[in-house]
Amino acid sequence: MEEKKFPELDPALPSLDGKAAAEAFPEDEALTEEDILAAQEARDEENALDKNVRLLSPARMVARRFFRSKLSIIGLVIIVALMLFSWLGPVFYNRWGEIEYDNGGRIDCQMEEISGYDEYGEEYHFTQVVESSQAVNRLAPLSGDHLLGTDNTGMDIFTRLMYGGRISLSISFISVFAVTFLGILFGGVAGYFGKRIDEVIMRICDILMCIPSLPIMLIIGTLFDSWGIDSQYRIYLLMLFLTLISWPGTARLVRGQILFLREQEYMVAAEAMGFSTSRKIFKHLVPNVLPQLIVSMTLSLGSMILSEATLSYLGLGVKAPYAAWGTMINIVTEDPNVMANYFNVWIPPGLCIILAVLGFNFIGDGLRDALDPKARR
């Protein structure tokens, strides 16, 4: 038995009764009212399915794959919590200036032997006594007044953690954005123009990558001490130097991607339309490299926090009364007794560094998987 074919109805066509069907399809004499109703039902089902289908934009697809990963959500929660803790925490809890001194005269004396030669060439020796007032609440235990106790200067550790997070996180963000900007600028120019410009920029990258950064920063930190630069600004100057020698990695990444993308069809079309060089590089090439750059930036934030913590631990960062997470751990080098008996002084900043690095790495891994076009949908 031959299957009966129903006519295709216009989606905008209203429902038809038998008389209207005969007028709409006069050439179909064998068409009955039941055939028209069956065709209408099929059309209505198809329209209902079309309404349930939604096309997701690329950004929404990336966000959907990102939030599907549990580690990505954990990393995002950690970073948001650290930022809220650092910037909003002092609004509710602030014991920064509560350093109590003994009015009765509790004095700490240190003796220092000094020797030298006078203007006549005769050797002299004398003993210098340095007196300093000590805080009564120095290395105080955990209490209601000081949630994590106090450090060796009598300052509240919990409050210093919050202010230290501001410095550590802000320096890391500033440095990573500066490194990315320089990498996009030099990598984009090298990859697009090629030839001699590419050779010159890549050789500069090779030279910068061979510089031993840590010994040089130790020397620069010593020079800052001799020049009397304020400790509030010296960490920013050191991170500026670290930025200037860290951009070659990003530049190589951008260059490699642009060497591939500049041969694509849309770039040939942009060339034919007479677009300027800056527009082709920064409007058509760089946006296509951004997914890889976003992942690289996220992963670099963790390494920048470690670099800042290392510099502060070595005494090259901010100094009291300013705080950074690395500076707070530096106390164990000044007093070994603190490391052995006062875990509340150096463990909390260490945990904050670990959480920040893990959070940024989790976010970076999630973005890498979400932005991968070959990943399973």
Protein backbone atom coordinates (compact mmCIF):
# COMPACT_ATOMS: atom_id res chain seq x y z
CA MET A 1 0.00 0.00 0.00
CA GLU A 2 1.49 3.32 -1.08
CA GLU A 3 2.15 5.76 1.76
CA LYS A 4 0.16 8.92 1.45
CA LYS A 5 2.23 12.14 1.41
CA PHE A 6 0.89 15.16 3.23
CA PRO A 7 1.33 18.64 1.80
CA GLU A 8 3.97 20.97 3.31
CA LEU A 9 2.25 23.80 5.09
CA ASP A 10 3.62 27.28 5.57
CA PRO A 11 4.47 27.83 9.29
CA ALA A 12 2.69 31.18 9.16
CA LEU A 13 -0.45 29.59 7.71
CA PRO A 14 -3.33 29.43 10.24
CA SER A 15 -5.23 26.24 10.99
CA LEU A 16 -7.57 25.21 8.15
CA ASP A 17 -10.95 23.59 8.20
CA GLY A 18 -12.26 21.39 5.40
CA LYS A 19 -13.67 24.23 3.26
CA ALA A 20 -10.55 26.39 3.69
CA ALA A 21 -8.38 23.38 2.81
CA ALA A 22 -10.23 22.83 -0.44
CA GLU A 23 -9.77 26.49 -1.34
CA ALA A 24 -6.07 26.44 -0.36
CA PHE A 25 -5.34 23.26 -2.34
CA PRO A 26 -7.80 23.21 -5.28
CA GLU A 27 -5.50 21.05 -7.43
CA ASP A 28 -5.44 18.30 -4.78
CA GLU A 29 -8.83 16.70 -5.28
CA ALA A 30 -7.88 13.58 -3.31
CA LEU A 31 -6.93 15.69 -0.28
CA THR A 32 -9.38 15.20 2.57
CA GLU A 33 -9.98 17.20 5.71
CA GLU A 34 -8.23 14.50 7.76
CA ASP A 35 -5.10 14.90 5.59
CA ILE A 36 -5.03 18.63 6.20
CA LEU A 37 -5.41 18.17 9.98
CA ALA A 38 -2.60 15.57 10.03
CA ALA A 39 -0.31 17.95 8.13
CA GLN A 40 -1.17 20.73 10.57
CA GLU A 41 -0.28 18.55 13.57
CA ALA A 42 3.05 17.62 12.01
CA ARG A 43 3.77 21.30 11.36
CA ASP A 44 2.87 22.29 14.94
CA GLU A 45 5.16 19.57 16.41
CA GLU A 46 8.05 20.77 14.26
CA ASN A 47 7.52 24.39 15.34
CA ALA A 48 7.44 23.33 19.00
CA LEU A 49 10.78 21.53 18.59
CA ASP A 50 12.30 24.58 16.91
CA LYS A 51 11.26 26.78 19.83
CA ASN A 52 13.03 24.47 22.30
CA VAL A 53 16.34 24.62 20.40
CA ARG A 54 18.63 27.45 21.53
CA LEU A 55 21.90 28.33 19.84
CA LEU A 56 24.61 29.14 22.39
CA SER A 57 27.16 31.86 21.68
CA PRO A 58 30.87 30.90 21.88
CA ALA A 59 31.21 32.81 25.18
CA ARG A 60 28.28 30.95 26.73
CA MET A 61 29.64 27.62 25.51
CA VAL A 62 33.02 28.39 27.14
CA ALA A 63 31.31 29.45 30.39
CA ARG A 64 29.18 26.32 30.37
CA ARG A 65 32.20 24.02 29.95
CA PHE A 66 34.17 26.01 32.54
CA PHE A 67 31.52 25.74 35.27
CA ARG A 68 31.05 22.06 34.48
CA SER A 69 34.48 21.41 36.03
CA LYS A 70 34.45 21.09 39.82
CA LEU A 71 38.10 22.12 40.13
CA SER A 72 37.39 25.33 38.19
CA ILE A 73 34.59 26.24 40.57
CA ILE A 74 36.77 25.43 43.58
CA GLY A 75 39.57 27.65 42.22
CA LEU A 76 37.16 30.49 41.52
CA VAL A 77 35.69 30.26 45.03
CA ILE A 78 39.18 30.29 46.57
CA ILE A 79 40.30 33.41 44.68
CA VAL A 80 37.06 35.30 45.31
CA ALA A 81 37.24 34.39 49.00
CA LEU A 82 40.86 35.61 49.26
CA MET A 83 39.96 38.89 47.56
CA LEU A 84 36.98 39.49 49.81
CA PHE A 85 39.12 38.58 52.82
CA SER A 86 41.87 41.02 51.79
CA TRP A 87 39.80 44.02 50.71
CA LEU A 88 36.63 43.76 52.79
CA GLY A 89 38.03 42.01 55.87
CA PRO A 90 39.57 45.13 57.48
CA VAL A 91 36.15 46.78 57.40
CA PHE A 92 34.90 44.28 59.98
CA TYR A 93 38.13 43.37 61.80
CA ASN A 94 41.07 45.73 62.19
CA ARG A 95 43.63 45.51 64.98
CA TRP A 96 46.50 46.96 62.96
CA GLY A 97 47.61 49.64 65.41
CA GLU A 98 46.97 47.89 68.70
CA ILE A 99 50.57 47.57 69.88
CA GLU A 100 50.82 47.78 73.65
CA TYR A 101 54.03 49.05 75.27
CA ASP A 102 55.02 48.82 78.91
CA ASN A 103 55.04 52.29 80.42
CA GLY A 104 57.08 50.88 83.30
CA GLY A 105 60.10 50.74 81.03
CA ARG A 106 60.46 47.26 79.58
CA ILE A 107 63.61 47.72 77.53
CA ASP A 108 65.48 45.35 75.25
CA CYS A 109 69.22 46.01 75.16
CA GLN A 110 71.59 44.84 72.45
CA MET A 111 75.37 45.27 72.65
CA GLU A 112 77.45 45.81 69.54
CA GLU A 113 81.24 45.90 69.32
CA ILE A 114 82.57 48.67 67.05
CA SER A 115 86.17 49.11 66.03
CA GLY A 116 88.05 51.28 63.54
CA TYR A 117 90.81 53.84 63.03
CA ASP A 118 90.72 57.52 63.86
CA GLU A 119 92.13 60.34 61.72
CA TYR A 120 95.60 59.81 63.23
CA GLY A 121 95.66 56.13 62.28
CA GLU A 122 95.21 54.84 65.81
CA GLU A 123 92.90 51.86 66.30
CA TYR A 124 89.92 52.23 68.65
CA HIS A 125 87.35 49.88 70.16
CA PHE A 126 84.12 50.61 71.97
CA THR A 127 80.85 48.90 72.81
CA GLN A 128 77.55 50.39 71.65
CA VAL A 129 74.37 49.61 73.58
CA VAL A 130 71.13 49.86 71.58
CA GLU A 131 67.95 50.15 73.64
CA SER A 132 64.47 49.48 72.23
CA SER A 133 61.04 49.25 73.81
CA GLN A 134 59.38 45.88 73.49
CA ALA A 135 55.68 45.31 73.07
CA VAL A 136 53.93 43.66 75.99
CA ASN A 137 51.71 41.66 73.64
CA ARG A 138 54.66 40.41 71.61
CA LEU A 139 54.02 36.84 70.30
CA ALA A 140 50.71 36.75 72.15
CA PRO A 141 48.67 33.53 71.81
CA LEU A 142 45.31 33.18 70.07
CA SER A 143 42.57 35.04 71.92
CA GLY A 144 39.38 36.99 71.42
CA ASP A 145 41.35 40.21 70.99
CA HIS A 146 43.80 38.65 68.52
CA LEU A 147 42.26 35.79 66.54
CA LEU A 148 45.64 34.48 65.31
CA GLY A 149 47.79 36.02 68.01
CA THR A 150 50.50 38.63 67.42
CA ASP A 151 53.92 38.60 65.80
CA ASN A 152 57.29 39.53 67.25
CA THR A 153 56.46 43.25 67.02
CA GLY A 154 53.09 42.91 68.76
CA MET A 155 50.98 43.47 65.61
CA ASP A 156 47.85 41.42 65.00
CA ILE A 157 48.57 38.57 62.57
CA PHE A 158 45.01 38.26 61.28
CA THR A 159 44.92 41.94 60.29
CA ARG A 160 48.36 41.74 58.67
CA LEU A 161 47.16 38.76 56.65
CA MET A 162 44.42 40.88 55.11
CA TYR A 163 46.66 43.82 54.28
CA GLY A 164 49.39 41.46 53.10
CA GLY A 165 46.92 39.85 50.70
CA ARG A 166 46.23 43.24 49.14
CA ILE A 167 49.90 43.74 48.32
CA SER A 168 50.59 40.18 47.18
CA LEU A 169 47.51 39.88 44.95
CA SER A 170 47.66 43.39 43.49
CA ILE A 171 51.35 43.08 42.63
CA SER A 172 50.72 39.74 40.93
CA PHE A 173 47.84 41.10 38.84
CA ILE A 174 49.76 44.23 37.82
CA SER A 175 52.85 42.24 36.85
CA VAL A 176 50.93 39.65 34.82
CA PHE A 177 48.98 42.30 32.90
CA ALA A 178 52.20 44.20 32.17
CA VAL A 179 53.94 41.01 31.00
CA THR A 180 50.98 40.16 28.77
CA PHE A 181 50.89 43.65 27.26
CA LEU A 182 54.60 43.58 26.40
CA GLY A 183 54.32 40.02 25.08
CA ILE A 184 51.39 40.93 22.80
CA LEU A 185 53.16 44.05 21.54
CA PHE A 186 56.54 42.52 20.70
CA GLY A 187 55.23 39.06 19.79
CA GLY A 188 52.57 40.49 17.49
CA VAL A 189 55.05 42.71 15.67
CA ALA A 190 57.61 39.90 15.34
CA GLY A 191 55.09 37.35 14.09
CA TYR A 192 53.41 39.64 11.57
CA PHE A 193 56.42 41.35 9.97
CA GLY A 194 58.93 38.50 10.29
CA LYS A 195 62.36 38.73 8.63
CA ARG A 196 64.79 41.12 10.33
CA ILE A 197 62.30 42.51 12.84
CA ASP A 198 61.50 38.98 13.95
CA GLU A 199 65.20 38.13 14.25
CA VAL A 200 65.98 41.21 16.36
CA ILE A 201 63.04 40.72 18.76
CA MET A 202 63.69 37.00 19.17
CA ARG A 203 67.38 37.58 19.91
CA ILE A 204 66.39 40.12 22.58
CA CYS A 205 64.09 37.46 24.04
CA ASP A 206 66.96 34.96 24.09
CA ILE A 207 69.19 37.43 25.94
CA LEU A 208 66.53 38.28 28.54
CA MET A 209 65.75 34.61 29.15
CA CYS A 210 69.43 34.00 29.96
CA ILE A 211 69.59 36.67 32.68
CA PRO A 212 69.84 35.18 36.20
CA SER A 213 66.96 37.12 37.72
CA LEU A 214 67.31 36.19 41.40
CA PRO A 215 71.01 37.18 41.87
CA ILE A 216 70.40 40.46 40.04
CA MET A 217 67.38 41.23 42.20
CA LEU A 218 69.46 40.54 45.30
CA ILE A 219 71.97 43.10 44.06
CA ILE A 220 69.23 45.60 43.22
CA GLY A 221 67.66 45.11 46.66
CA THR A 222 71.01 45.90 48.29
CA LEU A 223 71.31 49.03 46.17
CA PHE A 224 67.82 50.09 47.25
CA ASP A 225 68.91 49.76 50.89
CA SER A 226 71.99 51.90 50.30
CA TRP A 227 69.97 54.52 48.39
CA GLY A 228 67.37 54.69 51.16
CA ILE A 229 64.36 53.89 48.96
CA ASP A 230 61.12 53.66 50.94
CA SER A 231 60.21 50.05 51.69
CA GLN A 232 56.63 50.77 50.59
CA TYR A 233 57.75 51.20 46.97
CA ARG A 234 60.77 48.91 46.63
CA ILE A 235 58.70 45.77 46.01
CA TYR A 236 56.98 47.53 43.09
CA LEU A 237 60.34 48.45 41.60
CA LEU A 238 61.55 44.87 41.95
CA MET A 239 58.40 43.51 40.33
CA LEU A 240 58.87 46.03 37.51
CA PHE A 241 62.30 44.55 36.90
CA LEU A 242 60.81 41.06 37.06
CA THR A 243 58.21 42.12 34.48
CA LEU A 244 60.84 43.44 32.10
CA ILE A 245 62.64 40.10 32.04
CA SER A 246 59.52 37.88 32.02
CA TRP A 247 57.71 38.99 28.83
CA PRO A 248 59.77 36.89 26.33
CA GLY A 249 57.76 33.73 27.12
CA THR A 250 54.47 35.45 26.27
CA ALA A 251 56.02 37.06 23.19
CA ARG A 252 57.10 33.67 21.86
CA LEU A 253 53.60 32.29 22.39
CA VAL A 254 51.97 35.20 20.53
CA ARG A 255 54.52 35.05 17.73
CA GLY A 256 53.94 31.34 17.12
CA GLN A 257 50.17 31.76 16.95
CA ILE A 258 50.35 34.77 14.62
CA LEU A 259 52.71 32.97 12.24
CA PHE A 260 49.94 30.39 11.83
CA LEU A 261 46.96 32.77 11.76
CA ARG A 262 48.34 35.31 9.28
CA GLU A 263 47.99 32.77 6.45
CA GLN A 264 44.28 32.18 7.06
CA GLU A 265 41.56 33.23 4.61
CA TYR A 266 40.20 36.09 6.69
CA MET A 267 43.66 37.66 6.79
CA VAL A 268 43.91 37.41 3.01
CA ALA A 269 40.52 39.16 2.83
CA ALA A 270 41.70 41.87 5.25
CA GLU A 271 44.78 42.39 3.09
CA ALA A 272 42.61 42.69 -0.04
CA MET A 273 40.35 45.25 1.66
CA GLY A 274 43.35 47.45 2.44
CA PHE A 275 43.16 47.42 6.24
CA SER A 276 46.02 49.09 8.10
CA THR A 277 48.75 46.98 9.67
CA SER A 278 47.80 47.90 13.25
CA ARG A 279 44.17 46.96 12.57
CA LYS A 280 45.13 43.59 11.11
CA ILE A 281 47.41 42.79 14.04
CA PHE A 282 45.38 44.04 17.02
CA LYS A 283 41.83 43.65 15.66
CA HIS A 284 42.03 40.42 13.69
CA LEU A 285 45.11 38.47 14.85
CA VAL A 286 45.47 39.23 18.57
CA PRO A 287 41.79 38.47 19.43
CA ASN A 288 42.29 34.98 18.01
CA VAL A 289 45.29 34.48 20.31
CA LEU A 290 43.41 35.66 23.42
CA PRO A 291 42.15 32.20 24.48
CA GLN A 292 45.72 30.94 24.82
CA LEU A 293 46.79 34.21 26.47
CA ILE A 294 44.01 34.04 29.05
CA VAL A 295 45.12 30.58 30.09
CA SER A 296 48.76 31.67 30.19
CA MET A 297 47.89 34.74 32.30
CA THR A 298 45.89 32.70 34.78
CA LEU A 299 48.68 30.20 35.27
CA SER A 300 51.26 33.00 35.50
CA LEU A 301 49.41 34.62 38.41
CA GLY A 302 50.36 31.71 40.64
CA SER A 303 54.03 31.91 39.68
CA MET A 304 54.02 35.69 40.23
CA ILE A 305 52.66 35.24 43.76
CA LEU A 306 55.46 32.76 44.44
CA SER A 307 58.02 35.22 43.04
CA GLU A 308 56.71 38.03 45.24
CA ALA A 309 56.68 35.74 48.27
CA THR A 310 60.27 34.66 47.53
CA LEU A 311 61.47 38.25 47.25
CA SER A 312 59.70 39.23 50.46
CA TYR A 313 61.04 36.15 52.25
CA LEU A 314 64.58 37.13 51.24
CA GLY A 315 64.03 40.59 52.71
CA LEU A 316 63.72 42.35 49.35
CA GLY A 317 60.02 43.13 49.65
CA VAL A 318 58.03 45.49 51.82
CA LYS A 319 59.14 45.99 55.38
CA ALA A 320 57.29 46.70 58.62
CA PRO A 321 54.86 48.20 59.30
CA TYR A 322 53.72 47.19 55.78
CA ALA A 323 52.94 43.54 55.25
CA ALA A 324 53.03 40.94 52.50
CA TRP A 325 52.57 37.21 52.84
CA GLY A 326 56.23 36.53 52.09
CA THR A 327 57.36 39.21 54.54
CA MET A 328 55.29 37.62 57.31
CA ILE A 329 57.08 34.31 56.76
CA ASN A 330 60.45 36.09 56.81
CA ILE A 331 60.21 36.33 60.60
CA VAL A 332 61.45 32.73 60.93
CA THR A 333 64.85 33.81 59.55
CA GLU A 334 65.14 36.49 62.22
CA ASP A 335 64.14 34.32 65.18
CA PRO A 336 64.43 30.50 64.86
CA ASN A 337 62.47 30.17 68.09
CA VAL A 338 59.37 31.44 66.26
CA MET A 339 59.55 28.65 63.70
CA ALA A 340 59.81 26.00 66.38
CA ASN A 341 57.25 27.25 68.90
CA TYR A 342 54.94 29.82 67.29
CA PHE A 343 53.23 28.14 64.36
CA ASN A 344 50.44 30.74 64.34
CA VAL A 345 52.93 33.35 63.12
CA TRP A 346 54.15 31.77 59.86
CA ILE A 347 51.69 29.00 58.94
CA PRO A 348 48.68 31.28 58.09
CA PRO A 349 50.55 33.35 55.46
CA GLY A 350 52.01 30.14 54.05
CA LEU A 351 48.52 28.67 53.71
CA CYS A 352 47.31 31.84 51.97
CA ILE A 353 50.13 31.56 49.41
CA ILE A 354 49.32 27.88 48.80
CA LEU A 355 45.60 28.58 48.40
CA ALA A 356 46.20 31.48 46.00
CA VAL A 357 48.54 29.44 43.78
CA LEU A 358 46.19 26.44 43.77
CA GLY A 359 43.18 28.66 43.01
CA PHE A 360 44.83 30.31 40.01
CA ASN A 361 46.11 26.97 38.72
CA PHE A 362 42.64 25.41 38.99
CA ILE A 363 41.12 28.33 37.10
CA GLY A 364 43.84 28.11 34.45
CA ASP A 365 43.27 24.39 33.93
CA GLY A 366 39.52 24.96 33.66
CA LEU A 367 39.94 27.74 31.11
CA ARG A 368 42.36 25.63 29.08
CA ASP A 369 39.83 22.82 28.82
CA ALA A 370 36.90 25.19 28.19
CA LEU A 371 38.68 27.10 25.42
CA ASP A 372 39.97 23.98 23.66
CA PRO A 373 37.93 23.61 20.44
CA LYS A 374 38.80 19.91 20.28
CA ALA A 375 37.45 19.19 23.75
CA ARG A 376 34.40 17.01 24.10
CA ARG A 377 31.21 19.07 24.22
